[in-house]
Amino acid sequence: MLSIAKQRAISLGLQDVIEFKEGDTEIIDLPPSTFDAALCRWGLMFLPDLNAGLSNIYRSLVEGGHFAAAVWASPNEDTLIATMMSTVMKETKSLLPPPGTPGPYIF
């Protein structure tokens, strides 16, 4: 995803104003008050320590910086994912993970 994003930034002439970082959001060493914006798409629900991850992101943002995240809705609101997961669990004869385990419905 980063490779495609970098290519797109170059094609739009934005390579000198956008910086892409990859790492574990809970522990990545980001300089404080550096970024104007941070994005997380389908990732927060998989963090074992959500508070650590969000704190790290927040510290890296400049004052007034923006953070946007996309997460799944609850199972009763997201029937597509709930149906798929239910089918996989049934077919693999798997048990549901214990409450609080990182996954699509942690929120």
PDB file of N, CA and C in Angstrom:
ATOM      1  N   MET A   1       0.831  -1.194   0.000  1.00  0.00           N
ATOM      2  CA  MET A   1       0.000   0.000   0.000  1.00  0.00           C
ATOM      3  C   MET A   1       0.871   1.251   0.000  1.00  0.00           C
ATOM      4  N   LEU A   2       1.981   1.196   0.749  1.00  0.00           N
ATOM      5  CA  LEU A   2       2.854   2.368   0.788  1.00  0.00           C
ATOM      6  C   LEU A   2       3.491   2.627  -0.569  1.00  0.00           C
ATOM      7  N   SER A   3       3.871   1.583  -1.266  1.00  0.00           N
ATOM      8  CA  SER A   3       4.475   1.744  -2.584  1.00  0.00           C
ATOM      9  C   SER A   3       3.506   2.436  -3.540  1.00  0.00           C
ATOM     10  N   ILE A   4       2.265   1.995  -3.533  1.00  0.00           N
ATOM     11  CA  ILE A   4       1.253   2.605  -4.401  1.00  0.00           C
ATOM     12  C   ILE A   4       0.996   4.049  -3.987  1.00  0.00           C
ATOM     13  N   ALA A   5       0.922   4.299  -2.686  1.00  0.00           N
ATOM     14  CA  ALA A   5       0.694   5.665  -2.202  1.00  0.00           C
ATOM     15  C   ALA A   5       1.847   6.579  -2.597  1.00  0.00           C
ATOM     16  N   LYS A   6       3.072   6.093  -2.489  1.00  0.00           N
ATOM     17  CA  LYS A   6       4.236   6.904  -2.882  1.00  0.00           C
ATOM     18  C   LYS A   6       4.200   7.205  -4.378  1.00  0.00           C
ATOM     19  N   GLN A   7       3.869   6.204  -5.187  1.00  0.00           N
ATOM     20  CA  GLN A   7       3.770   6.409  -6.637  1.00  0.00           C
ATOM     21  C   GLN A   7       2.691   7.437  -6.964  1.00  0.00           C
ATOM     22  N   ARG A   8       1.571   7.348  -6.261  1.00  0.00           N
ATOM     23  CA  ARG A   8       0.483   8.297  -6.496  1.00  0.00           C
ATOM     24  C   ARG A   8       0.899   9.706  -6.095  1.00  0.00           C
ATOM     25  N   ALA A   9       1.607   9.833  -4.973  1.00  0.00           N
ATOM     26  CA  ALA A   9       2.089  11.151  -4.535  1.00  0.00           C
ATOM     27  C   ALA A   9       3.029  11.747  -5.582  1.00  0.00           C
ATOM     28  N   ILE A  10       3.921  10.926  -6.137  1.00  0.00           N
ATOM     29  CA  ILE A  10       4.836  11.401  -7.176  1.00  0.00           C
ATOM     30  C   ILE A  10       4.057  11.849  -8.408  1.00  0.00           C
ATOM     31  N   SER A  11       3.069  11.047  -8.813  1.00  0.00           N
ATOM     32  CA  SER A  11       2.292  11.399 -10.009  1.00  0.00           C
ATOM     33  C   SER A  11       1.518  12.702  -9.827  1.00  0.00           C
ATOM     34  N   LEU A  12       1.228  13.045  -8.576  1.00  0.00           N
ATOM     35  CA  LEU A  12       0.505  14.295  -8.284  1.00  0.00           C
ATOM     36  C   LEU A  12       1.449  15.434  -7.902  1.00  0.00           C
ATOM     37  N   GLY A  13       2.752  15.167  -7.947  1.00  0.00           N
ATOM     38  CA  GLY A  13       3.729  16.192  -7.617  1.00  0.00           C
ATOM     39  C   GLY A  13       3.793  16.518  -6.133  1.00  0.00           C
ATOM     40  N   LEU A  14       3.412  15.555  -5.287  1.00  0.00           N
ATOM     41  CA  LEU A  14       3.346  15.796  -3.843  1.00  0.00           C
ATOM     42  C   LEU A  14       4.468  15.106  -3.066  1.00  0.00           C
ATOM     43  N   GLN A  15       5.440  14.531  -3.760  1.00  0.00           N
ATOM     44  CA  GLN A  15       6.475  13.750  -3.083  1.00  0.00           C
ATOM     45  C   GLN A  15       7.296  14.566  -2.089  1.00  0.00           C
ATOM     46  N   ASP A  16       7.341  15.886  -2.225  1.00  0.00           N
ATOM     47  CA  ASP A  16       8.123  16.698  -1.295  1.00  0.00           C
ATOM     48  C   ASP A  16       7.312  17.212  -0.107  1.00  0.00           C
ATOM     49  N   VAL A  17       6.011  16.936  -0.088  1.00  0.00           N
ATOM     50  CA  VAL A  17       5.168  17.425   1.016  1.00  0.00           C
ATOM     51  C   VAL A  17       4.466  16.319   1.784  1.00  0.00           C
ATOM     52  N   ILE A  18       4.592  15.082   1.314  1.00  0.00           N
ATOM     53  CA  ILE A  18       3.974  13.945   1.997  1.00  0.00           C
ATOM     54  C   ILE A  18       5.073  12.976   2.417  1.00  0.00           C
ATOM     55  N   GLU A  19       4.999  12.539   3.659  1.00  0.00           N
ATOM     56  CA  GLU A  19       5.942  11.541   4.150  1.00  0.00           C
ATOM     57  C   GLU A  19       5.149  10.320   4.589  1.00  0.00           C
ATOM     58  N   PHE A  20       5.573   9.154   4.167  1.00  0.00           N
ATOM     59  CA  PHE A  20       4.912   7.911   4.513  1.00  0.00           C
ATOM     60  C   PHE A  20       5.765   7.165   5.534  1.00  0.00           C
ATOM     61  N   LYS A  21       5.133   6.632   6.569  1.00  0.00           N
ATOM     62  CA  LYS A  21       5.834   5.871   7.601  1.00  0.00           C
ATOM     63  C   LYS A  21       5.138   4.531   7.778  1.00  0.00           C
ATOM     64  N   GLU A  22       5.921   3.496   7.993  1.00  0.00           N
ATOM     65  CA  GLU A  22       5.387   2.173   8.295  1.00  0.00           C
ATOM     66  C   GLU A  22       5.963   1.715   9.618  1.00  0.00           C
ATOM     67  N   GLY A  23       5.116   1.150  10.461  1.00  0.00           N
ATOM     68  CA  GLY A  23       5.606   0.626  11.725  1.00  0.00           C
ATOM     69  C   GLY A  23       4.468   0.267  12.648  1.00  0.00           C
ATOM     70  N   ASP A  24       4.815  -0.333  13.756  1.00  0.00           N
ATOM     71  CA  ASP A  24       3.848  -0.704  14.784  1.00  0.00           C
ATOM     72  C   ASP A  24       3.441   0.569  15.526  1.00  0.00           C
ATOM     73  N   THR A  25       2.202   0.955  15.401  1.00  0.00           N
ATOM     74  CA  THR A  25       1.750   2.228  15.951  1.00  0.00           C
ATOM     75  C   THR A  25       1.930   2.333  17.463  1.00  0.00           C
ATOM     76  N   GLU A  26       1.992   1.201  18.144  1.00  0.00           N
ATOM     77  CA  GLU A  26       2.168   1.239  19.595  1.00  0.00           C
ATOM     78  C   GLU A  26       3.593   1.607  19.989  1.00  0.00           C
ATOM     79  N   ILE A  27       4.568   1.286  19.124  1.00  0.00           N
ATOM     80  CA  ILE A  27       5.963   1.496  19.530  1.00  0.00           C
ATOM     81  C   ILE A  27       6.809   2.267  18.523  1.00  0.00           C
ATOM     82  N   ILE A  28       6.288   2.588  17.349  1.00  0.00           N
ATOM     83  CA  ILE A  28       7.091   3.297  16.355  1.00  0.00           C
ATOM     84  C   ILE A  28       7.587   4.613  16.956  1.00  0.00           C
ATOM     85  N   ASP A  29       8.845   4.902  16.708  1.00  0.00           N
ATOM     86  CA  ASP A  29       9.465   6.104  17.267  1.00  0.00           C
ATOM     87  C   ASP A  29       9.213   7.273  16.321  1.00  0.00           C
ATOM     88  N   LEU A  30       8.188   8.052  16.617  1.00  0.00           N
ATOM     89  CA  LEU A  30       7.853   9.216  15.812  1.00  0.00           C
ATOM     90  C   LEU A  30       8.227  10.479  16.579  1.00  0.00           C
ATOM     91  N   PRO A  31       8.835  11.430  15.901  1.00  0.00           N
ATOM     92  CA  PRO A  31       9.148  12.673  16.600  1.00  0.00           C
ATOM     93  C   PRO A  31       7.863  13.362  17.054  1.00  0.00           C
ATOM     94  N   PRO A  32       7.847  13.937  18.248  1.00  0.00           N
ATOM     95  CA  PRO A  32       6.634  14.617  18.707  1.00  0.00           C
ATOM     96  C   PRO A  32       6.321  15.856  17.878  1.00  0.00           C
ATOM     97  N   SER A  33       5.049  16.149  17.778  1.00  0.00           N
ATOM     98  CA  SER A  33       4.563  17.364  17.098  1.00  0.00           C
ATOM     99  C   SER A  33       5.166  17.531  15.709  1.00  0.00           C
ATOM    100  N   THR A  34       5.085  16.471  14.900  1.00  0.00           N
ATOM    101  CA  THR A  34       5.710  16.494  13.580  1.00  0.00           C
ATOM    102  C   THR A  34       4.699  16.480  12.432  1.00  0.00           C
ATOM    103  N   PHE A  35       3.627  15.717  12.577  1.00  0.00           N
ATOM    104  CA  PHE A  35       2.731  15.485  11.446  1.00  0.00           C
ATOM    105  C   PHE A  35       1.455  16.320  11.552  1.00  0.00           C
ATOM    106  N   ASP A  36       1.011  16.788  10.393  1.00  0.00           N
ATOM    107  CA  ASP A  36      -0.249  17.535  10.322  1.00  0.00           C
ATOM    108  C   ASP A  36      -1.440  16.591  10.378  1.00  0.00           C
ATOM    109  N   ALA A  37      -1.249  15.367   9.899  1.00  0.00           N
ATOM    110  CA  ALA A  37      -2.357  14.413   9.852  1.00  0.00           C
ATOM    111  C   ALA A  37      -1.817  12.990   9.929  1.00  0.00           C
ATOM    112  N   ALA A  38      -2.655  12.110  10.456  1.00  0.00           N
ATOM    113  CA  ALA A  38      -2.351  10.678  10.501  1.00  0.00           C
ATOM    114  C   ALA A  38      -3.625   9.932  10.113  1.00  0.00           C
ATOM    115  N   LEU A  39      -3.456   8.839   9.389  1.00  0.00           N
ATOM    116  CA  LEU A  39      -4.584   8.025   8.933  1.00  0.00           C
ATOM    117  C   LEU A  39      -4.379   6.582   9.376  1.00  0.00           C
ATOM    118  N   CYS A  40      -5.467   5.935   9.740  1.00  0.00           N
ATOM    119  CA  CYS A  40      -5.421   4.514  10.057  1.00  0.00           C
ATOM    120  C   CYS A  40      -6.658   3.865   9.460  1.00  0.00           C
ATOM    121  N   ARG A  41      -6.441   2.964   8.524  1.00  0.00           N
ATOM    122  CA  ARG A  41      -7.557   2.311   7.850  1.00  0.00           C
ATOM    123  C   ARG A  41      -7.570   0.836   8.225  1.00  0.00           C
ATOM    124  N   TRP A  42      -8.603   0.428   8.925  1.00  0.00           N
ATOM    125  CA  TRP A  42      -8.832  -0.957   9.330  1.00  0.00           C
ATOM    126  C   TRP A  42      -7.687  -1.501  10.173  1.00  0.00           C
ATOM    127  N   GLY A  43      -7.155  -0.704  11.101  1.00  0.00           N
ATOM    128  CA  GLY A  43      -6.052  -1.171  11.913  1.00  0.00           C
ATOM    129  C   GLY A  43      -6.257  -1.080  13.410  1.00  0.00           C
ATOM    130  N   LEU A  44      -6.978  -0.064  13.873  1.00  0.00           N
ATOM    131  CA  LEU A  44      -7.095   0.160  15.315  1.00  0.00           C
ATOM    132  C   LEU A  44      -7.655  -1.039  16.058  1.00  0.00           C
ATOM    133  N   MET A  45      -8.573  -1.742  15.442  1.00  0.00           N
ATOM    134  CA  MET A  45      -9.225  -2.853  16.131  1.00  0.00           C
ATOM    135  C   MET A  45      -8.305  -4.044  16.344  1.00  0.00           C
ATOM    136  N   PHE A  46      -7.122  -4.013  15.745  1.00  0.00           N
ATOM    137  CA  PHE A  46      -6.179  -5.110  15.902  1.00  0.00           C
ATOM    138  C   PHE A  46      -5.050  -4.795  16.884  1.00  0.00           C
ATOM    139  N   LEU A  47      -5.073  -3.613  17.493  1.00  0.00           N
ATOM    140  CA  LEU A  47      -4.019  -3.236  18.438  1.00  0.00           C
ATOM    141  C   LEU A  47      -4.250  -3.900  19.793  1.00  0.00           C
ATOM    142  N   PRO A  48      -3.274  -4.638  20.294  1.00  0.00           N
ATOM    143  CA  PRO A  48      -3.422  -5.210  21.628  1.00  0.00           C
ATOM    144  C   PRO A  48      -3.547  -4.125  22.703  1.00  0.00           C
ATOM    145  N   ASP A  49      -2.859  -2.990  22.510  1.00  0.00           N
ATOM    146  CA  ASP A  49      -2.918  -1.887  23.472  1.00  0.00           C
ATOM    147  C   ASP A  49      -3.356  -0.626  22.734  1.00  0.00           C
ATOM    148  N   LEU A  50      -4.663  -0.474  22.585  1.00  0.00           N
ATOM    149  CA  LEU A  50      -5.233   0.654  21.838  1.00  0.00           C
ATOM    150  C   LEU A  50      -4.783   1.991  22.429  1.00  0.00           C
ATOM    151  N   ASN A  51      -4.761   2.110  23.747  1.00  0.00           N
ATOM    152  CA  ASN A  51      -4.358   3.376  24.369  1.00  0.00           C
ATOM    153  C   ASN A  51      -2.925   3.755  24.001  1.00  0.00           C
ATOM    154  N   ALA A  52      -2.021   2.795  23.988  1.00  0.00           N
ATOM    155  CA  ALA A  52      -0.626   3.075  23.624  1.00  0.00           C
ATOM    156  C   ALA A  52      -0.543   3.549  22.175  1.00  0.00           C
ATOM    157  N   GLY A  53      -1.259   2.878  21.290  1.00  0.00           N
ATOM    158  CA  GLY A  53      -1.241   3.257  19.880  1.00  0.00           C
ATOM    159  C   GLY A  53      -1.790   4.651  19.647  1.00  0.00           C
ATOM    160  N   LEU A  54      -2.945   4.938  20.235  1.00  0.00           N
ATOM    161  CA  LEU A  54      -3.552   6.256  20.052  1.00  0.00           C
ATOM    162  C   LEU A  54      -2.703   7.355  20.692  1.00  0.00           C
ATOM    163  N   SER A  55      -2.103   7.063  21.836  1.00  0.00           N
ATOM    164  CA  SER A  55      -1.232   8.048  22.491  1.00  0.00           C
ATOM    165  C   SER A  55      -0.029   8.364  21.615  1.00  0.00           C
ATOM    166  N   ASN A  56       0.546   7.338  21.004  1.00  0.00           N
ATOM    167  CA  ASN A  56       1.703   7.539  20.134  1.00  0.00           C
ATOM    168  C   ASN A  56       1.320   8.388  18.918  1.00  0.00           C
ATOM    169  N   ILE A  57       0.182   8.101  18.337  1.00  0.00           N
ATOM    170  CA  ILE A  57      -0.288   8.887  17.196  1.00  0.00           C
ATOM    171  C   ILE A  57      -0.520  10.331  17.626  1.00  0.00           C
ATOM    172  N   TYR A  58      -1.203  10.527  18.724  1.00  0.00           N
ATOM    173  CA  TYR A  58      -1.521  11.868  19.201  1.00  0.00           C
ATOM    174  C   TYR A  58      -0.248  12.682  19.453  1.00  0.00           C
ATOM    175  N   ARG A  59       0.752  12.062  20.079  1.00  0.00           N
ATOM    176  CA  ARG A  59       2.016  12.768  20.355  1.00  0.00           C
ATOM    177  C   ARG A  59       2.708  13.213  19.075  1.00  0.00           C
ATOM    178  N   SER A  60       2.529  12.460  17.999  1.00  0.00           N
ATOM    179  CA  SER A  60       3.222  12.779  16.751  1.00  0.00           C
ATOM    180  C   SER A  60       2.555  13.913  15.976  1.00  0.00           C
ATOM    181  N   LEU A  61       1.338  14.264  16.341  1.00  0.00           N
ATOM    182  CA  LEU A  61       0.609  15.311  15.615  1.00  0.00           C
ATOM    183  C   LEU A  61       0.963  16.702  16.138  1.00  0.00           C
ATOM    184  N   VAL A  62       1.034  17.660  15.216  1.00  0.00           N
ATOM    185  CA  VAL A  62       1.213  19.050  15.626  1.00  0.00           C
ATOM    186  C   VAL A  62      -0.061  19.510  16.320  1.00  0.00           C
ATOM    187  N   GLU A  63       0.009  20.591  17.065  1.00  0.00           N
ATOM    188  CA  GLU A  63      -1.195  21.133  17.706  1.00  0.00           C
ATOM    189  C   GLU A  63      -2.218  21.445  16.626  1.00  0.00           C
ATOM    190  N   GLY A  64      -3.420  20.970  16.802  1.00  0.00           N
ATOM    191  CA  GLY A  64      -4.474  21.161  15.804  1.00  0.00           C
ATOM    192  C   GLY A  64      -4.409  20.159  14.665  1.00  0.00           C
ATOM    193  N   GLY A  65      -3.487  19.163  14.763  1.00  0.00           N
ATOM    194  CA  GLY A  65      -3.382  18.135  13.726  1.00  0.00           C
ATOM    195  C   GLY A  65      -4.629  17.269  13.689  1.00  0.00           C
ATOM    196  N   HIS A  66      -4.768  16.519  12.623  1.00  0.00           N
ATOM    197  CA  HIS A  66      -5.979  15.709  12.420  1.00  0.00           C
ATOM    198  C   HIS A  66      -5.632  14.221  12.370  1.00  0.00           C
ATOM    199  N   PHE A  67      -6.534  13.420  12.910  1.00  0.00           N
ATOM    200  CA  PHE A  67      -6.410  11.971  12.857  1.00  0.00           C
ATOM    201  C   PHE A  67      -7.718  11.412  12.330  1.00  0.00           C
ATOM    202  N   ALA A  68      -7.627  10.533  11.332  1.00  0.00           N
ATOM    203  CA  ALA A  68      -8.815   9.890  10.773  1.00  0.00           C
ATOM    204  C   ALA A  68      -8.602   8.384  10.811  1.00  0.00           C
ATOM    205  N   ALA A  69      -9.642   7.662  11.206  1.00  0.00           N
ATOM    206  CA  ALA A  69      -9.562   6.204  11.277  1.00  0.00           C
ATOM    207  C   ALA A  69     -10.837   5.600  10.725  1.00  0.00           C
ATOM    208  N   ALA A  70     -10.679   4.470  10.065  1.00  0.00           N
ATOM    209  CA  ALA A  70     -11.825   3.692   9.613  1.00  0.00           C
ATOM    210  C   ALA A  70     -11.813   2.387  10.402  1.00  0.00           C
ATOM    211  N   VAL A  71     -12.934   2.034  10.992  1.00  0.00           N
ATOM    212  CA  VAL A  71     -13.076   0.787  11.737  1.00  0.00           C
ATOM    213  C   VAL A  71     -14.410   0.162  11.366  1.00  0.00           C
ATOM    214  N   TRP A  72     -14.516  -1.141  11.602  1.00  0.00           N
ATOM    215  CA  TRP A  72     -15.777  -1.809  11.334  1.00  0.00           C
ATOM    216  C   TRP A  72     -16.809  -1.416  12.374  1.00  0.00           C
ATOM    217  N   ALA A  73     -18.044  -1.543  12.004  1.00  0.00           N
ATOM    218  CA  ALA A  73     -19.149  -1.322  12.936  1.00  0.00           C
ATOM    219  C   ALA A  73     -19.329  -2.591  13.776  1.00  0.00           C
ATOM    220  N   SER A  74     -20.260  -2.549  14.716  1.00  0.00           N
ATOM    221  CA  SER A  74     -20.537  -3.723  15.546  1.00  0.00           C
ATOM    222  C   SER A  74     -21.165  -4.827  14.680  1.00  0.00           C
ATOM    223  N   PRO A  75     -21.115  -6.091  15.137  1.00  0.00           N
ATOM    224  CA  PRO A  75     -21.638  -7.192  14.330  1.00  0.00           C
ATOM    225  C   PRO A  75     -23.093  -7.003  13.892  1.00  0.00           C
ATOM    226  N   ASN A  76     -23.920  -6.435  14.745  1.00  0.00           N
ATOM    227  CA  ASN A  76     -25.326  -6.267  14.350  1.00  0.00           C
ATOM    228  C   ASN A  76     -25.505  -5.172  13.306  1.00  0.00           C
ATOM    229  N   GLU A  77     -24.508  -4.317  13.118  1.00  0.00           N
ATOM    230  CA  GLU A  77     -24.583  -3.271  12.100  1.00  0.00           C
ATOM    231  C   GLU A  77     -23.795  -3.633  10.841  1.00  0.00           C
ATOM    232  N   ASP A  78     -22.924  -4.620  10.936  1.00  0.00           N
ATOM    233  CA  ASP A  78     -22.067  -5.006   9.822  1.00  0.00           C
ATOM    234  C   ASP A  78     -22.316  -6.476   9.508  1.00  0.00           C
ATOM    235  N   THR A  79     -23.438  -6.754   8.895  1.00  0.00           N
ATOM    236  CA  THR A  79     -23.843  -8.146   8.667  1.00  0.00           C
ATOM    237  C   THR A  79     -22.937  -8.874   7.676  1.00  0.00           C
ATOM    238  N   LEU A  80     -22.301  -8.163   6.760  1.00  0.00           N
ATOM    239  CA  LEU A  80     -21.413  -8.815   5.806  1.00  0.00           C
ATOM    240  C   LEU A  80     -20.241  -9.473   6.526  1.00  0.00           C
ATOM    241  N   ILE A  81     -19.525  -8.715   7.344  1.00  0.00           N
ATOM    242  CA  ILE A  81     -18.376  -9.262   8.071  1.00  0.00           C
ATOM    243  C   ILE A  81     -18.850 -10.302   9.089  1.00  0.00           C
ATOM    244  N   ALA A  82     -19.948 -10.021   9.794  1.00  0.00           N
ATOM    245  CA  ALA A  82     -20.450 -10.955  10.807  1.00  0.00           C
ATOM    246  C   ALA A  82     -20.818 -12.297  10.176  1.00  0.00           C
ATOM    247  N   THR A  83     -21.480 -12.274   9.033  1.00  0.00           N
ATOM    248  CA  THR A  83     -21.868 -13.514   8.349  1.00  0.00           C
ATOM    249  C   THR A  83     -20.635 -14.276   7.884  1.00  0.00           C
ATOM    250  N   MET A  84     -19.679 -13.559   7.314  1.00  0.00           N
ATOM    251  CA  MET A  84     -18.463 -14.204   6.840  1.00  0.00           C
ATOM    252  C   MET A  84     -17.699 -14.844   8.005  1.00  0.00           C
ATOM    253  N   MET A  85     -17.538 -14.096   9.100  1.00  0.00           N
ATOM    254  CA  MET A  85     -16.807 -14.627  10.241  1.00  0.00           C
ATOM    255  C   MET A  85     -17.537 -15.816  10.858  1.00  0.00           C
ATOM    256  N   SER A  86     -18.847 -15.747  10.933  1.00  0.00           N
ATOM    257  CA  SER A  86     -19.640 -16.842  11.476  1.00  0.00           C
ATOM    258  C   SER A  86     -19.446 -18.108  10.639  1.00  0.00           C
ATOM    259  N   THR A  87     -19.457 -17.957   9.322  1.00  0.00           N
ATOM    260  CA  THR A  87     -19.270 -19.094   8.422  1.00  0.00           C
ATOM    261  C   THR A  87     -17.874 -19.690   8.579  1.00  0.00           C
ATOM    262  N   VAL A  88     -16.854 -18.837   8.640  1.00  0.00           N
ATOM    263  CA  VAL A  88     -15.480 -19.319   8.808  1.00  0.00           C
ATOM    264  C   VAL A  88     -15.343 -20.059  10.138  1.00  0.00           C
ATOM    265  N   MET A  89     -15.896 -19.492  11.208  1.00  0.00           N
ATOM    266  CA  MET A  89     -15.804 -20.130  12.527  1.00  0.00           C
ATOM    267  C   MET A  89     -16.487 -21.501  12.499  1.00  0.00           C
ATOM    268  N   LYS A  90     -17.643 -21.571  11.856  1.00  0.00           N
ATOM    269  CA  LYS A  90     -18.390 -22.834  11.790  1.00  0.00           C
ATOM    270  C   LYS A  90     -17.624 -23.869  10.978  1.00  0.00           C
ATOM    271  N   GLU A  91     -17.141 -23.474   9.807  1.00  0.00           N
ATOM    272  CA  GLU A  91     -16.456 -24.415   8.914  1.00  0.00           C
ATOM    273  C   GLU A  91     -15.111 -24.879   9.477  1.00  0.00           C
ATOM    274  N   THR A  92     -14.440 -24.041  10.228  1.00  0.00           N
ATOM    275  CA  THR A  92     -13.141 -24.419  10.796  1.00  0.00           C
ATOM    276  C   THR A  92     -13.290 -24.990  12.205  1.00  0.00           C
ATOM    277  N   LYS A  93     -14.543 -25.052  12.663  1.00  0.00           N
ATOM    278  CA  LYS A  93     -14.842 -25.554  14.006  1.00  0.00           C
ATOM    279  C   LYS A  93     -14.012 -24.805  15.067  1.00  0.00           C
ATOM    280  N   SER A  94     -13.913 -23.504  14.868  1.00  0.00           N
ATOM    281  CA  SER A  94     -13.153 -22.648  15.770  1.00  0.00           C
ATOM    282  C   SER A  94     -14.068 -22.048  16.828  1.00  0.00           C
ATOM    283  N   LEU A  95     -13.482 -21.753  17.962  1.00  0.00           N
ATOM    284  CA  LEU A  95     -14.211 -21.063  19.023  1.00  0.00           C
ATOM    285  C   LEU A  95     -14.010 -19.562  18.878  1.00  0.00           C
ATOM    286  N   LEU A  96     -14.972 -18.815  19.351  1.00  0.00           N
ATOM    287  CA  LEU A  96     -14.818 -17.369  19.352  1.00  0.00           C
ATOM    288  C   LEU A  96     -13.661 -16.992  20.267  1.00  0.00           C
ATOM    289  N   PRO A  97     -12.884 -15.970  19.882  1.00  0.00           N
ATOM    290  CA  PRO A  97     -11.805 -15.540  20.773  1.00  0.00           C
ATOM    291  C   PRO A  97     -12.379 -14.930  22.041  1.00  0.00           C
ATOM    292  N   PRO A  98     -11.619 -14.928  23.120  1.00  0.00           N
ATOM    293  CA  PRO A  98     -12.132 -14.358  24.365  1.00  0.00           C
ATOM    294  C   PRO A  98     -12.402 -12.864  24.230  1.00  0.00           C
ATOM    295  N   PRO A  99     -13.338 -12.323  25.019  1.00  0.00           N
ATOM    296  CA  PRO A  99     -13.635 -10.898  24.970  1.00  0.00           C
ATOM    297  C   PRO A  99     -12.368 -10.079  25.181  1.00  0.00           C
ATOM    298  N   GLY A 100     -12.249  -8.970  24.422  1.00  0.00           N
ATOM    299  CA  GLY A 100     -11.088  -8.096  24.545  1.00  0.00           C
ATOM    300  C   GLY A 100      -9.945  -8.459  23.623  1.00  0.00           C
ATOM    301  N   THR A 101     -10.054  -9.606  22.912  1.00  0.00           N
ATOM    302  CA  THR A 101      -9.016 -10.000  21.975  1.00  0.00           C
ATOM    303  C   THR A 101      -9.081  -9.074  20.764  1.00  0.00           C
ATOM    304  N   PRO A 102      -7.931  -8.570  20.294  1.00  0.00           N
ATOM    305  CA  PRO A 102      -7.964  -7.706  19.097  1.00  0.00           C
ATOM    306  C   PRO A 102      -8.655  -8.406  17.937  1.00  0.00           C
ATOM    307  N   GLY A 103      -9.477  -7.683  17.231  1.00  0.00           N
ATOM    308  CA  GLY A 103     -10.203  -8.223  16.089  1.00  0.00           C
ATOM    309  C   GLY A 103     -11.176  -7.180  15.558  1.00  0.00           C
ATOM    310  N   PRO A 104     -11.932  -7.519  14.540  1.00  0.00           N
ATOM    311  CA  PRO A 104     -12.787  -6.540  13.889  1.00  0.00           C
ATOM    312  C   PRO A 104     -13.801  -5.857  14.793  1.00  0.00           C
ATOM    313  N   TYR A 105     -14.241  -6.541  15.832  1.00  0.00           N
ATOM    314  CA  TYR A 105     -15.314  -5.980  16.656  1.00  0.00           C
ATOM    315  C   TYR A 105     -14.859  -5.578  18.040  1.00  0.00           C
ATOM    316  N   ILE A 106     -13.590  -5.223  18.196  1.00  0.00           N
ATOM    317  CA  ILE A 106     -13.090  -4.896  19.533  1.00  0.00           C
ATOM    318  C   ILE A 106     -13.748  -3.648  20.107  1.00  0.00           C
ATOM    319  N   PHE A 107     -14.241  -2.771  19.261  1.00  0.00           N
ATOM    320  CA  PHE A 107     -14.804  -1.515  19.764  1.00  0.00           C
ATOM    321  C   PHE A 107     -16.196  -1.741  20.282  1.00  0.00           C
TER     322      PHE A 107
END
